[in-house]
Amino acid sequence: MTNAIRINLLPHRQLRRAQQQRLFAVLAVAVAGLGLAAVAVGQAQLVNAKNAQDRRNSFLRDEIAKLDKQIAEIRHLRDKTQDLLARKTVVENLQSNRTEAVRMFDQLARQLPEGLYLKSVKETGDNVALSGYAQSSARISTYMRALAGTSLFRDPVLVEVKAAEVAKLKVNEFSMTVKVSHPVPAPEKGKGGKP
């Protein structure tokens, strides 16, 4: 049995190992290629997403700029409206108070008792400061009661009475304040008031 057949399997193993190495190299290249392709696709998607977000941001900036301009116009119009409403209120107050000065002077003159005359009348807001001369302090009291009895004046307050001489006559110089009752204007038809 010495004549056994000996078969050398070395080339077959080397061929098989070489084939496996080629297959491994091909698979490694394929996996590396797929990996690079996946990275490239991911990078492209990120670039596309970034570009899309940049476009959205640019659109939003443009729209915000338009809205800022509109807000500025609205503020300007609101300021203009407030200014016009203030002017309208002033005109309405002037219109309603146009005859008030005439009524005030008329009432001041009608209530003057004999022996008393005014030298100055000064209106500040709702207060009217009166100063003048009277023959006696009783006439000043009478004038104060007469003013309090009108619908236009209220709360007369005597500030000062002192003796004075006018045209060689001894008189009482006085100063007083009285409040003016402003009438409330009736609402106009069609502006919230009942017709």
N, C-alpha and C. Protein backbone atom coordinates (compact mmCIF):
# COMPACT_ATOMS: atom_id res chain seq x y z
N MET A 1 0.81 -1.11 0.00
CA MET A 1 0.00 0.00 0.00
C MET A 1 0.89 1.22 0.00
N THR A 2 1.87 0.96 -0.41
CA THR A 2 2.78 2.04 -0.55
C THR A 2 2.54 2.80 -1.83
N ASN A 3 1.80 2.26 -2.57
CA ASN A 3 1.50 2.94 -3.84
C ASN A 3 0.24 3.77 -3.67
N ALA A 4 0.07 4.48 -2.70
CA ALA A 4 -1.13 5.30 -2.51
C ALA A 4 -1.07 6.51 -3.44
N ILE A 5 -2.16 6.85 -3.82
CA ILE A 5 -2.24 7.97 -4.74
C ILE A 5 -2.21 9.25 -3.88
N ARG A 6 -1.35 10.08 -4.28
CA ARG A 6 -1.27 11.35 -3.55
C ARG A 6 -1.76 12.45 -4.48
N ILE A 7 -2.74 13.21 -3.98
CA ILE A 7 -3.32 14.30 -4.78
C ILE A 7 -2.94 15.60 -4.06
N ASN A 8 -2.44 16.47 -4.83
CA ASN A 8 -2.05 17.79 -4.27
C ASN A 8 -3.25 18.72 -4.41
N LEU A 9 -3.82 19.14 -3.30
CA LEU A 9 -5.00 20.00 -3.29
C LEU A 9 -4.63 21.48 -3.11
N LEU A 10 -3.35 21.75 -3.08
CA LEU A 10 -2.93 23.11 -2.84
C LEU A 10 -3.41 24.08 -3.92
N PRO A 11 -3.27 23.82 -5.19
CA PRO A 11 -3.74 24.80 -6.16
C PRO A 11 -5.24 25.04 -6.05
N HIS A 12 -6.01 24.03 -5.74
CA HIS A 12 -7.46 24.20 -5.62
C HIS A 12 -7.78 25.14 -4.47
N ARG A 13 -7.11 25.01 -3.35
CA ARG A 13 -7.33 25.89 -2.20
C ARG A 13 -6.89 27.31 -2.52
N GLN A 14 -5.79 27.43 -3.22
CA GLN A 14 -5.32 28.76 -3.58
C GLN A 14 -6.29 29.44 -4.54
N LEU A 15 -6.81 28.65 -5.46
CA LEU A 15 -7.79 29.21 -6.40
C LEU A 15 -9.06 29.65 -5.65
N ARG A 16 -9.48 28.79 -4.74
CA ARG A 16 -10.68 29.14 -3.97
C ARG A 16 -10.42 30.39 -3.11
N ARG A 17 -9.29 30.49 -2.48
CA ARG A 17 -8.94 31.64 -1.65
C ARG A 17 -8.86 32.90 -2.52
N ALA A 18 -8.27 32.81 -3.69
CA ALA A 18 -8.17 33.95 -4.60
C ALA A 18 -9.56 34.40 -5.04
N GLN A 19 -10.44 33.41 -5.29
CA GLN A 19 -11.81 33.73 -5.69
C GLN A 19 -12.54 34.44 -4.55
N GLN A 20 -12.38 33.98 -3.33
CA GLN A 20 -13.02 34.61 -2.17
C GLN A 20 -12.46 36.02 -1.95
N GLN A 21 -11.18 36.18 -2.17
CA GLN A 21 -10.59 37.52 -2.02
C GLN A 21 -11.14 38.48 -3.08
N ARG A 22 -11.29 37.98 -4.32
CA ARG A 22 -11.88 38.83 -5.37
C ARG A 22 -13.33 39.19 -5.01
N LEU A 23 -14.08 38.19 -4.52
CA LEU A 23 -15.47 38.44 -4.14
C LEU A 23 -15.54 39.45 -2.99
N PHE A 24 -14.64 39.32 -2.02
CA PHE A 24 -14.58 40.26 -0.90
C PHE A 24 -14.25 41.66 -1.40
N ALA A 25 -13.28 41.74 -2.32
CA ALA A 25 -12.90 43.06 -2.87
C ALA A 25 -14.07 43.68 -3.61
N VAL A 26 -14.77 42.86 -4.41
CA VAL A 26 -15.93 43.38 -5.17
C VAL A 26 -17.00 43.85 -4.19
N LEU A 27 -17.28 43.03 -3.16
CA LEU A 27 -18.30 43.42 -2.18
C LEU A 27 -17.87 44.67 -1.41
N ALA A 28 -16.57 44.75 -1.07
CA ALA A 28 -16.08 45.93 -0.35
C ALA A 28 -16.23 47.17 -1.21
N VAL A 29 -15.88 47.06 -2.51
CA VAL A 29 -16.04 48.20 -3.42
C VAL A 29 -17.51 48.56 -3.56
N ALA A 30 -18.38 47.52 -3.67
CA ALA A 30 -19.82 47.77 -3.81
C ALA A 30 -20.36 48.46 -2.56
N VAL A 31 -19.97 47.97 -1.38
CA VAL A 31 -20.43 48.58 -0.13
C VAL A 31 -19.90 50.00 -0.02
N ALA A 32 -18.64 50.21 -0.36
CA ALA A 32 -18.07 51.56 -0.32
C ALA A 32 -18.80 52.46 -1.30
N GLY A 33 -19.09 51.93 -2.50
CA GLY A 33 -19.84 52.72 -3.49
C GLY A 33 -21.23 53.06 -2.99
N LEU A 34 -21.92 52.07 -2.39
CA LEU A 34 -23.25 52.32 -1.83
C LEU A 34 -23.17 53.34 -0.69
N GLY A 35 -22.15 53.23 0.12
CA GLY A 35 -21.96 54.19 1.21
C GLY A 35 -21.75 55.60 0.68
N LEU A 36 -20.87 55.71 -0.33
CA LEU A 36 -20.64 57.03 -0.94
C LEU A 36 -21.91 57.57 -1.59
N ALA A 37 -22.65 56.65 -2.26
CA ALA A 37 -23.91 57.07 -2.89
C ALA A 37 -24.89 57.55 -1.83
N ALA A 38 -24.97 56.80 -0.70
CA ALA A 38 -25.88 57.21 0.38
C ALA A 38 -25.47 58.56 0.96
N VAL A 39 -24.16 58.78 1.14
CA VAL A 39 -23.67 60.07 1.63
C VAL A 39 -23.99 61.17 0.64
N ALA A 40 -23.78 60.87 -0.67
CA ALA A 40 -24.07 61.88 -1.69
C ALA A 40 -25.56 62.21 -1.73
N VAL A 41 -26.43 61.19 -1.63
CA VAL A 41 -27.88 61.42 -1.63
C VAL A 41 -28.27 62.21 -0.38
N GLY A 42 -27.72 61.82 0.76
CA GLY A 42 -28.00 62.55 1.99
C GLY A 42 -27.55 63.99 1.91
N GLN A 43 -26.35 64.19 1.35
CA GLN A 43 -25.84 65.56 1.20
C GLN A 43 -26.73 66.37 0.26
N ALA A 44 -27.17 65.74 -0.84
CA ALA A 44 -28.05 66.44 -1.79
C ALA A 44 -29.37 66.81 -1.12
N GLN A 45 -29.90 65.87 -0.32
CA GLN A 45 -31.17 66.17 0.37
C GLN A 45 -30.97 67.30 1.38
N LEU A 46 -29.85 67.30 2.09
CA LEU A 46 -29.59 68.38 3.03
C LEU A 46 -29.45 69.73 2.32
N VAL A 47 -28.75 69.71 1.17
CA VAL A 47 -28.60 70.95 0.40
C VAL A 47 -29.95 71.43 -0.10
N ASN A 48 -30.78 70.48 -0.60
CA ASN A 48 -32.12 70.85 -1.07
C ASN A 48 -32.98 71.38 0.07
N ALA A 49 -32.90 70.71 1.23
CA ALA A 49 -33.68 71.17 2.38
C ALA A 49 -33.21 72.56 2.83
N LYS A 50 -31.91 72.78 2.83
CA LYS A 50 -31.37 74.09 3.22
C LYS A 50 -31.82 75.16 2.23
N ASN A 51 -31.75 74.84 0.92
CA ASN A 51 -32.19 75.80 -0.10
C ASN A 51 -33.68 76.12 0.05
N ALA A 52 -34.47 75.05 0.31
CA ALA A 52 -35.91 75.26 0.49
C ALA A 52 -36.17 76.14 1.72
N GLN A 53 -35.44 75.90 2.82
CA GLN A 53 -35.61 76.71 4.03
C GLN A 53 -35.15 78.14 3.79
N ASP A 54 -34.07 78.30 3.02
CA ASP A 54 -33.60 79.66 2.69
C ASP A 54 -34.66 80.40 1.88
N ARG A 55 -35.31 79.69 0.94
CA ARG A 55 -36.37 80.34 0.15
C ARG A 55 -37.55 80.73 1.05
N ARG A 56 -37.91 79.81 1.96
CA ARG A 56 -39.00 80.14 2.89
C ARG A 56 -38.62 81.33 3.78
N ASN A 57 -37.39 81.34 4.28
CA ASN A 57 -36.94 82.46 5.11
C ASN A 57 -36.95 83.77 4.34
N SER A 58 -36.49 83.71 3.09
CA SER A 58 -36.49 84.91 2.25
C SER A 58 -37.92 85.40 2.01
N PHE A 59 -38.83 84.46 1.73
CA PHE A 59 -40.24 84.81 1.53
C PHE A 59 -40.81 85.45 2.81
N LEU A 60 -40.50 84.84 3.95
CA LEU A 60 -41.01 85.39 5.21
C LEU A 60 -40.43 86.77 5.49
N ARG A 61 -39.14 86.97 5.20
CA ARG A 61 -38.55 88.30 5.39
C ARG A 61 -39.23 89.33 4.51
N ASP A 62 -39.51 88.96 3.25
CA ASP A 62 -40.19 89.89 2.34
C ASP A 62 -41.59 90.22 2.85
N GLU A 63 -42.30 89.17 3.31
CA GLU A 63 -43.66 89.39 3.80
C GLU A 63 -43.65 90.22 5.09
N ILE A 64 -42.67 89.97 5.96
CA ILE A 64 -42.56 90.76 7.20
C ILE A 64 -42.26 92.22 6.86
N ALA A 65 -41.41 92.45 5.86
CA ALA A 65 -41.11 93.82 5.44
C ALA A 65 -42.37 94.51 4.92
N LYS A 66 -43.18 93.76 4.13
CA LYS A 66 -44.44 94.34 3.64
C LYS A 66 -45.37 94.66 4.81
N LEU A 67 -45.46 93.72 5.77
CA LEU A 67 -46.33 93.95 6.92
C LEU A 67 -45.84 95.12 7.77
N ASP A 68 -44.52 95.25 7.90
CA ASP A 68 -43.98 96.40 8.63
C ASP A 68 -44.36 97.71 7.97
N LYS A 69 -44.31 97.74 6.63
CA LYS A 69 -44.73 98.95 5.91
C LYS A 69 -46.21 99.22 6.14
N GLN A 70 -47.03 98.14 6.10
CA GLN A 70 -48.46 98.32 6.32
C GLN A 70 -48.73 98.79 7.75
N ILE A 71 -47.99 98.24 8.71
CA ILE A 71 -48.16 98.66 10.10
C ILE A 71 -47.79 100.14 10.26
N ALA A 72 -46.71 100.54 9.59
CA ALA A 72 -46.30 101.95 9.66
C ALA A 72 -47.39 102.84 9.05
N GLU A 73 -47.98 102.39 7.93
CA GLU A 73 -49.06 103.17 7.32
C GLU A 73 -50.27 103.23 8.24
N ILE A 74 -50.57 102.10 8.90
CA ILE A 74 -51.72 102.07 9.82
C ILE A 74 -51.47 103.02 10.99
N ARG A 75 -50.24 102.99 11.53
CA ARG A 75 -49.92 103.90 12.63
C ARG A 75 -50.05 105.35 12.18
N HIS A 76 -49.55 105.63 10.97
CA HIS A 76 -49.65 107.00 10.44
C HIS A 76 -51.12 107.39 10.30
N LEU A 77 -51.94 106.48 9.76
CA LEU A 77 -53.36 106.78 9.61
C LEU A 77 -54.04 106.93 10.97
N ARG A 78 -53.64 106.09 11.95
CA ARG A 78 -54.22 106.19 13.28
C ARG A 78 -53.87 107.54 13.91
N ASP A 79 -52.60 107.96 13.75
CA ASP A 79 -52.19 109.26 14.28
C ASP A 79 -52.97 110.39 13.60
N LYS A 80 -53.12 110.25 12.29
CA LYS A 80 -53.86 111.26 11.54
C LYS A 80 -55.32 111.30 12.00
N THR A 81 -55.90 110.11 12.23
CA THR A 81 -57.28 110.02 12.69
C THR A 81 -57.42 110.66 14.07
N GLN A 82 -56.47 110.36 14.97
CA GLN A 82 -56.52 110.95 16.31
C GLN A 82 -56.41 112.48 16.23
N ASP A 83 -55.53 112.95 15.35
CA ASP A 83 -55.38 114.39 15.18
C ASP A 83 -56.67 115.01 14.66
N LEU A 84 -57.28 114.35 13.67
CA LEU A 84 -58.54 114.87 13.13
C LEU A 84 -59.66 114.83 14.17
N LEU A 85 -59.69 113.75 14.98
CA LEU A 85 -60.71 113.67 16.02
C LEU A 85 -60.50 114.76 17.08
N ALA A 86 -59.23 115.04 17.41
CA ALA A 86 -58.96 116.11 18.37
C ALA A 86 -59.40 117.45 17.80
N ARG A 87 -59.11 117.68 16.53
CA ARG A 87 -59.55 118.93 15.89
C ARG A 87 -61.07 119.02 15.87
N LYS A 88 -61.70 117.88 15.55
CA LYS A 88 -63.17 117.86 15.50
C LYS A 88 -63.74 118.19 16.88
N THR A 89 -63.13 117.62 17.93
CA THR A 89 -63.60 117.90 19.29
C THR A 89 -63.45 119.37 19.63
N VAL A 90 -62.30 119.95 19.24
CA VAL A 90 -62.09 121.39 19.50
C VAL A 90 -63.14 122.21 18.77
N VAL A 91 -63.39 121.87 17.51
CA VAL A 91 -64.39 122.62 16.73
C VAL A 91 -65.78 122.46 17.36
N GLU A 92 -66.11 121.22 17.78
CA GLU A 92 -67.42 121.00 18.41
C GLU A 92 -67.54 121.79 19.71
N ASN A 93 -66.45 121.81 20.50
CA ASN A 93 -66.48 122.58 21.75
C ASN A 93 -66.63 124.06 21.46
N LEU A 94 -65.90 124.55 20.45
CA LEU A 94 -66.04 125.96 20.09
C LEU A 94 -67.45 126.26 19.61
N GLN A 95 -68.00 125.33 18.84
CA GLN A 95 -69.36 125.51 18.33
C GLN A 95 -70.37 125.55 19.47
N SER A 96 -70.22 124.63 20.43
CA SER A 96 -71.19 124.58 21.52
C SER A 96 -70.98 125.74 22.50
N ASN A 97 -69.72 126.21 22.64
CA ASN A 97 -69.43 127.29 23.60
C ASN A 97 -69.41 128.66 22.95
N ARG A 98 -69.80 128.74 21.72
CA ARG A 98 -69.71 129.99 20.99
C ARG A 98 -70.54 131.10 21.63
N THR A 99 -71.69 130.78 22.15
CA THR A 99 -72.54 131.81 22.75
C THR A 99 -72.37 131.91 24.26
N GLU A 100 -71.52 131.03 24.82
CA GLU A 100 -71.38 131.00 26.28
C GLU A 100 -70.79 132.31 26.82
N ALA A 101 -69.81 132.88 26.14
CA ALA A 101 -69.21 134.14 26.61
C ALA A 101 -70.26 135.25 26.63
N VAL A 102 -71.08 135.29 25.61
CA VAL A 102 -72.14 136.31 25.55
C VAL A 102 -73.12 136.11 26.69
N ARG A 103 -73.52 134.85 26.92
CA ARG A 103 -74.44 134.55 28.03
C ARG A 103 -73.82 134.91 29.37
N MET A 104 -72.50 134.61 29.51
CA MET A 104 -71.84 134.89 30.78
C MET A 104 -71.82 136.40 31.06
N PHE A 105 -71.41 137.19 30.07
CA PHE A 105 -71.38 138.64 30.28
C PHE A 105 -72.78 139.20 30.49
N ASP A 106 -73.74 138.65 29.80
CA ASP A 106 -75.12 139.10 29.97
C ASP A 106 -75.59 138.84 31.39
N GLN A 107 -75.34 137.62 31.91
CA GLN A 107 -75.76 137.29 33.27
C GLN A 107 -75.00 138.12 34.31
N LEU A 108 -73.69 138.34 34.07
CA LEU A 108 -72.92 139.17 35.01
C LEU A 108 -73.50 140.59 35.08
N ALA A 109 -73.87 141.12 33.92
CA ALA A 109 -74.42 142.49 33.88
C ALA A 109 -75.83 142.54 34.45
N ARG A 110 -76.67 141.54 34.17
CA ARG A 110 -78.05 141.54 34.66
C ARG A 110 -78.12 141.43 36.18
N GLN A 111 -77.18 140.70 36.77
CA GLN A 111 -77.23 140.47 38.22
C GLN A 111 -76.57 141.59 39.02
N LEU A 112 -75.90 142.53 38.34
CA LEU A 112 -75.21 143.62 39.05
C LEU A 112 -76.22 144.49 39.80
N PRO A 113 -76.06 144.61 41.11
CA PRO A 113 -76.94 145.55 41.84
C PRO A 113 -76.45 146.98 41.64
N GLU A 114 -77.31 147.91 41.93
CA GLU A 114 -76.92 149.31 41.82
C GLU A 114 -75.86 149.61 42.85
N GLY A 115 -74.88 150.44 42.51
CA GLY A 115 -73.82 150.80 43.44
C GLY A 115 -72.66 149.81 43.41
N LEU A 116 -72.62 148.93 42.42
CA LEU A 116 -71.51 147.97 42.29
C LEU A 116 -71.14 147.91 40.81
N TYR A 117 -69.85 147.99 40.52
CA TYR A 117 -69.44 147.80 39.13
C TYR A 117 -68.16 146.99 39.09
N LEU A 118 -67.98 146.29 37.96
CA LEU A 118 -66.83 145.39 37.79
C LEU A 118 -65.73 146.12 37.04
N LYS A 119 -64.49 145.87 37.48
CA LYS A 119 -63.36 146.44 36.74
C LYS A 119 -62.63 145.38 35.93
N SER A 120 -62.75 144.09 36.31
CA SER A 120 -62.12 143.05 35.50
C SER A 120 -62.86 141.72 35.66
N VAL A 121 -62.85 140.96 34.59
CA VAL A 121 -63.43 139.62 34.55
C VAL A 121 -62.42 138.74 33.85
N LYS A 122 -62.04 137.66 34.52
CA LYS A 122 -61.03 136.76 33.93
C LYS A 122 -61.50 135.32 34.09
N GLU A 123 -61.62 134.62 32.95
CA GLU A 123 -62.08 133.23 32.97
C GLU A 123 -60.87 132.31 32.81
N THR A 124 -60.77 131.33 33.70
CA THR A 124 -59.72 130.31 33.63
C THR A 124 -60.39 128.96 33.81
N GLY A 125 -60.58 128.25 32.71
CA GLY A 125 -61.28 126.96 32.79
C GLY A 125 -62.71 127.17 33.20
N ASP A 126 -63.12 126.55 34.32
CA ASP A 126 -64.48 126.69 34.83
C ASP A 126 -64.61 127.82 35.85
N ASN A 127 -63.52 128.46 36.20
CA ASN A 127 -63.55 129.53 37.20
C ASN A 127 -63.51 130.90 36.53
N VAL A 128 -64.27 131.82 37.12
CA VAL A 128 -64.26 133.22 36.65
C VAL A 128 -63.87 134.08 37.85
N ALA A 129 -62.80 134.85 37.66
CA ALA A 129 -62.35 135.77 38.71
C ALA A 129 -62.93 137.15 38.40
N LEU A 130 -63.63 137.70 39.39
CA LEU A 130 -64.26 139.02 39.24
C LEU A 130 -63.62 139.98 40.24
N SER A 131 -63.41 141.21 39.83
CA SER A 131 -62.96 142.24 40.76
C SER A 131 -63.65 143.55 40.39
N GLY A 132 -63.89 144.33 41.40
CA GLY A 132 -64.58 145.58 41.13
C GLY A 132 -64.72 146.42 42.40
N TYR A 133 -65.66 147.39 42.35
CA TYR A 133 -65.89 148.31 43.47
C TYR A 133 -67.38 148.29 43.81
N ALA A 134 -67.65 148.43 45.12
CA ALA A 134 -69.03 148.48 45.59
C ALA A 134 -69.14 149.56 46.65
N GLN A 135 -70.35 150.16 46.74
CA GLN A 135 -70.56 151.20 47.74
C GLN A 135 -70.60 150.61 49.14
N SER A 136 -71.03 149.32 49.25
CA SER A 136 -71.07 148.69 50.57
C SER A 136 -70.84 147.19 50.42
N SER A 137 -70.51 146.56 51.52
CA SER A 137 -70.29 145.11 51.47
C SER A 137 -71.61 144.37 51.31
N ALA A 138 -72.72 145.00 51.69
CA ALA A 138 -74.03 144.37 51.51
C ALA A 138 -74.32 144.19 50.01
N ARG A 139 -73.89 145.14 49.20
CA ARG A 139 -74.11 145.02 47.75
C ARG A 139 -73.28 143.86 47.17
N ILE A 140 -72.11 143.63 47.74
CA ILE A 140 -71.29 142.49 47.29
C ILE A 140 -72.00 141.18 47.64
N SER A 141 -72.57 141.10 48.86
CA SER A 141 -73.32 139.91 49.27
C SER A 141 -74.53 139.69 48.38
N THR A 142 -75.22 140.77 48.06
CA THR A 142 -76.38 140.67 47.18
C THR A 142 -75.96 140.14 45.81
N TYR A 143 -74.85 140.62 45.31
CA TYR A 143 -74.35 140.17 43.99
C TYR A 143 -73.98 138.69 44.05
N MET A 144 -73.34 138.26 45.13
CA MET A 144 -72.96 136.85 45.24
C MET A 144 -74.21 135.96 45.28
N ARG A 145 -75.24 136.36 46.03
CA ARG A 145 -76.48 135.58 46.08
C ARG A 145 -77.17 135.55 44.72
N ALA A 146 -77.13 136.68 44.01
CA ALA A 146 -77.77 136.75 42.68
C ALA A 146 -77.04 135.82 41.70
N LEU A 147 -75.71 135.79 41.77
CA LEU A 147 -74.96 134.91 40.88
C LEU A 147 -75.24 133.43 41.20
N ALA A 148 -75.31 133.09 42.49
CA ALA A 148 -75.59 131.71 42.89
C ALA A 148 -76.99 131.29 42.47
N GLY A 149 -77.90 132.24 42.33
CA GLY A 149 -79.27 131.93 41.94
C GLY A 149 -79.47 131.71 40.45
N THR A 150 -78.44 131.94 39.64
CA THR A 150 -78.58 131.72 38.19
C THR A 150 -78.23 130.28 37.84
N SER A 151 -78.64 129.86 36.67
CA SER A 151 -78.31 128.50 36.23
C SER A 151 -76.89 128.44 35.65
N LEU A 152 -76.29 129.58 35.35
CA LEU A 152 -74.97 129.60 34.71
C LEU A 152 -73.84 129.60 35.73
N PHE A 153 -74.06 130.20 36.91
CA PHE A 153 -72.99 130.33 37.91
C PHE A 153 -73.32 129.53 39.15
N ARG A 154 -72.25 129.10 39.85
CA ARG A 154 -72.44 128.38 41.11
C ARG A 154 -71.21 128.63 41.99
N ASP A 155 -71.36 128.40 43.26
CA ASP A 155 -70.29 128.46 44.25
C ASP A 155 -69.49 129.77 44.21
N PRO A 156 -70.12 130.95 44.40
CA PRO A 156 -69.33 132.18 44.47
C PRO A 156 -68.55 132.22 45.79
N VAL A 157 -67.28 132.63 45.69
CA VAL A 157 -66.41 132.71 46.88
C VAL A 157 -65.79 134.11 46.90
N LEU A 158 -65.97 134.79 48.02
CA LEU A 158 -65.38 136.11 48.19
C LEU A 158 -63.92 135.94 48.60
N VAL A 159 -63.02 136.49 47.82
CA VAL A 159 -61.60 136.34 48.09
C VAL A 159 -61.10 137.46 49.00
N GLU A 160 -61.50 138.71 48.68
CA GLU A 160 -60.95 139.84 49.43
C GLU A 160 -61.88 141.04 49.30
N VAL A 161 -62.00 141.79 50.40
CA VAL A 161 -62.70 143.08 50.40
C VAL A 161 -61.80 144.05 51.16
N LYS A 162 -61.54 145.21 50.57
CA LYS A 162 -60.72 146.20 51.26
C LYS A 162 -61.25 147.60 50.91
N ALA A 163 -60.99 148.51 51.81
CA ALA A 163 -61.44 149.89 51.60
C ALA A 163 -60.55 150.55 50.56
N ALA A 164 -61.17 151.36 49.69
CA ALA A 164 -60.42 152.06 48.65
C ALA A 164 -61.09 153.40 48.40
N GLU A 165 -60.41 154.25 47.65
CA GLU A 165 -60.95 155.56 47.31
C GLU A 165 -60.88 155.72 45.79
N VAL A 166 -62.05 155.97 45.19
CA VAL A 166 -62.12 156.15 43.74
C VAL A 166 -62.84 157.47 43.50
N ALA A 167 -62.19 158.37 42.78
CA ALA A 167 -62.76 159.69 42.47
C ALA A 167 -63.23 160.39 43.74
N LYS A 168 -62.40 160.35 44.77
CA LYS A 168 -62.64 160.98 46.07
C LYS A 168 -63.86 160.42 46.78
N LEU A 169 -64.29 159.19 46.41
CA LEU A 169 -65.38 158.51 47.10
C LEU A 169 -64.82 157.28 47.80
N LYS A 170 -65.27 157.03 49.01
CA LYS A 170 -64.83 155.84 49.73
C LYS A 170 -65.70 154.67 49.29
N VAL A 171 -65.04 153.61 48.79
CA VAL A 171 -65.74 152.42 48.31
C VAL A 171 -65.04 151.17 48.85
N ASN A 172 -65.68 150.03 48.62
CA ASN A 172 -65.08 148.74 48.96
C ASN A 172 -64.59 148.07 47.68
N GLU A 173 -63.30 147.81 47.64
CA GLU A 173 -62.75 147.09 46.49
C GLU A 173 -62.81 145.60 46.82
N PHE A 174 -63.34 144.80 45.88
CA PHE A 174 -63.51 143.37 46.17
C PHE A 174 -62.96 142.52 45.03
N SER A 175 -62.71 141.26 45.37
CA SER A 175 -62.40 140.25 44.35
C SER A 175 -63.06 138.96 44.79
N MET A 176 -63.61 138.24 43.82
CA MET A 176 -64.31 136.98 44.11
C MET A 176 -64.12 136.02 42.94
N THR A 177 -64.39 134.78 43.21
CA THR A 177 -64.38 133.77 42.14
C THR A 177 -65.73 133.09 42.13
N VAL A 178 -66.12 132.66 40.96
CA VAL A 178 -67.37 131.93 40.79
C VAL A 178 -67.14 130.87 39.73
N LYS A 179 -67.80 129.73 39.89
CA LYS A 179 -67.65 128.64 38.91
C LYS A 179 -68.73 128.75 37.86
N VAL A 180 -68.37 128.41 36.63
CA VAL A 180 -69.32 128.43 35.52
C VAL A 180 -69.84 127.02 35.32
N SER A 181 -71.18 126.90 35.25
CA SER A 181 -71.79 125.60 34.96
C SER A 181 -71.97 125.50 33.45
N HIS A 182 -71.16 124.65 32.82
CA HIS A 182 -71.27 124.49 31.37
C HIS A 182 -72.44 123.59 31.05
N PRO A 183 -73.32 124.02 30.15
CA PRO A 183 -74.44 123.15 29.80
C PRO A 183 -73.94 121.94 29.00
N VAL A 184 -74.57 120.80 29.25
CA VAL A 184 -74.21 119.59 28.51
C VAL A 184 -74.92 119.64 27.18
N PRO A 185 -74.16 119.56 26.04
CA PRO A 185 -74.82 119.64 24.75
C PRO A 185 -75.68 118.41 24.51
N ALA A 186 -76.84 118.65 23.94
CA ALA A 186 -77.74 117.54 23.60
C ALA A 186 -77.17 116.74 22.45
N PRO A 187 -77.31 115.40 22.48
CA PRO A 187 -76.77 114.61 21.36
C PRO A 187 -77.51 114.91 20.08
N GLU A 188 -76.74 114.91 18.98
CA GLU A 188 -77.33 115.21 17.68
C GLU A 188 -78.04 113.98 17.15
N LYS A 189 -79.03 114.21 16.30
CA LYS A 189 -79.75 113.10 15.69
C LYS A 189 -78.80 112.31 14.81
N GLY A 190 -78.90 110.98 14.88
CA GLY A 190 -78.07 110.13 14.04
C GLY A 190 -76.69 109.90 14.60
N LYS A 191 -76.36 110.43 15.78
CA LYS A 191 -75.04 110.23 16.36
C LYS A 191 -75.16 109.56 17.73
N GLY A 192 -76.02 108.58 17.82
CA GLY A 192 -76.13 107.84 19.07
C GLY A 192 -77.26 108.36 19.95
N GLY A 193 -77.77 109.54 19.68
CA GLY A 193 -78.88 110.06 20.48
C GLY A 193 -80.20 109.61 19.91
N LYS A 194 -81.23 109.67 20.71
CA LYS A 194 -82.55 109.29 20.19
C LYS A 194 -83.11 110.45 19.39
N PRO A 195 -83.75 110.17 18.23
CA PRO A 195 -84.30 111.24 17.40
C PRO A 195 -85.49 111.89 18.04
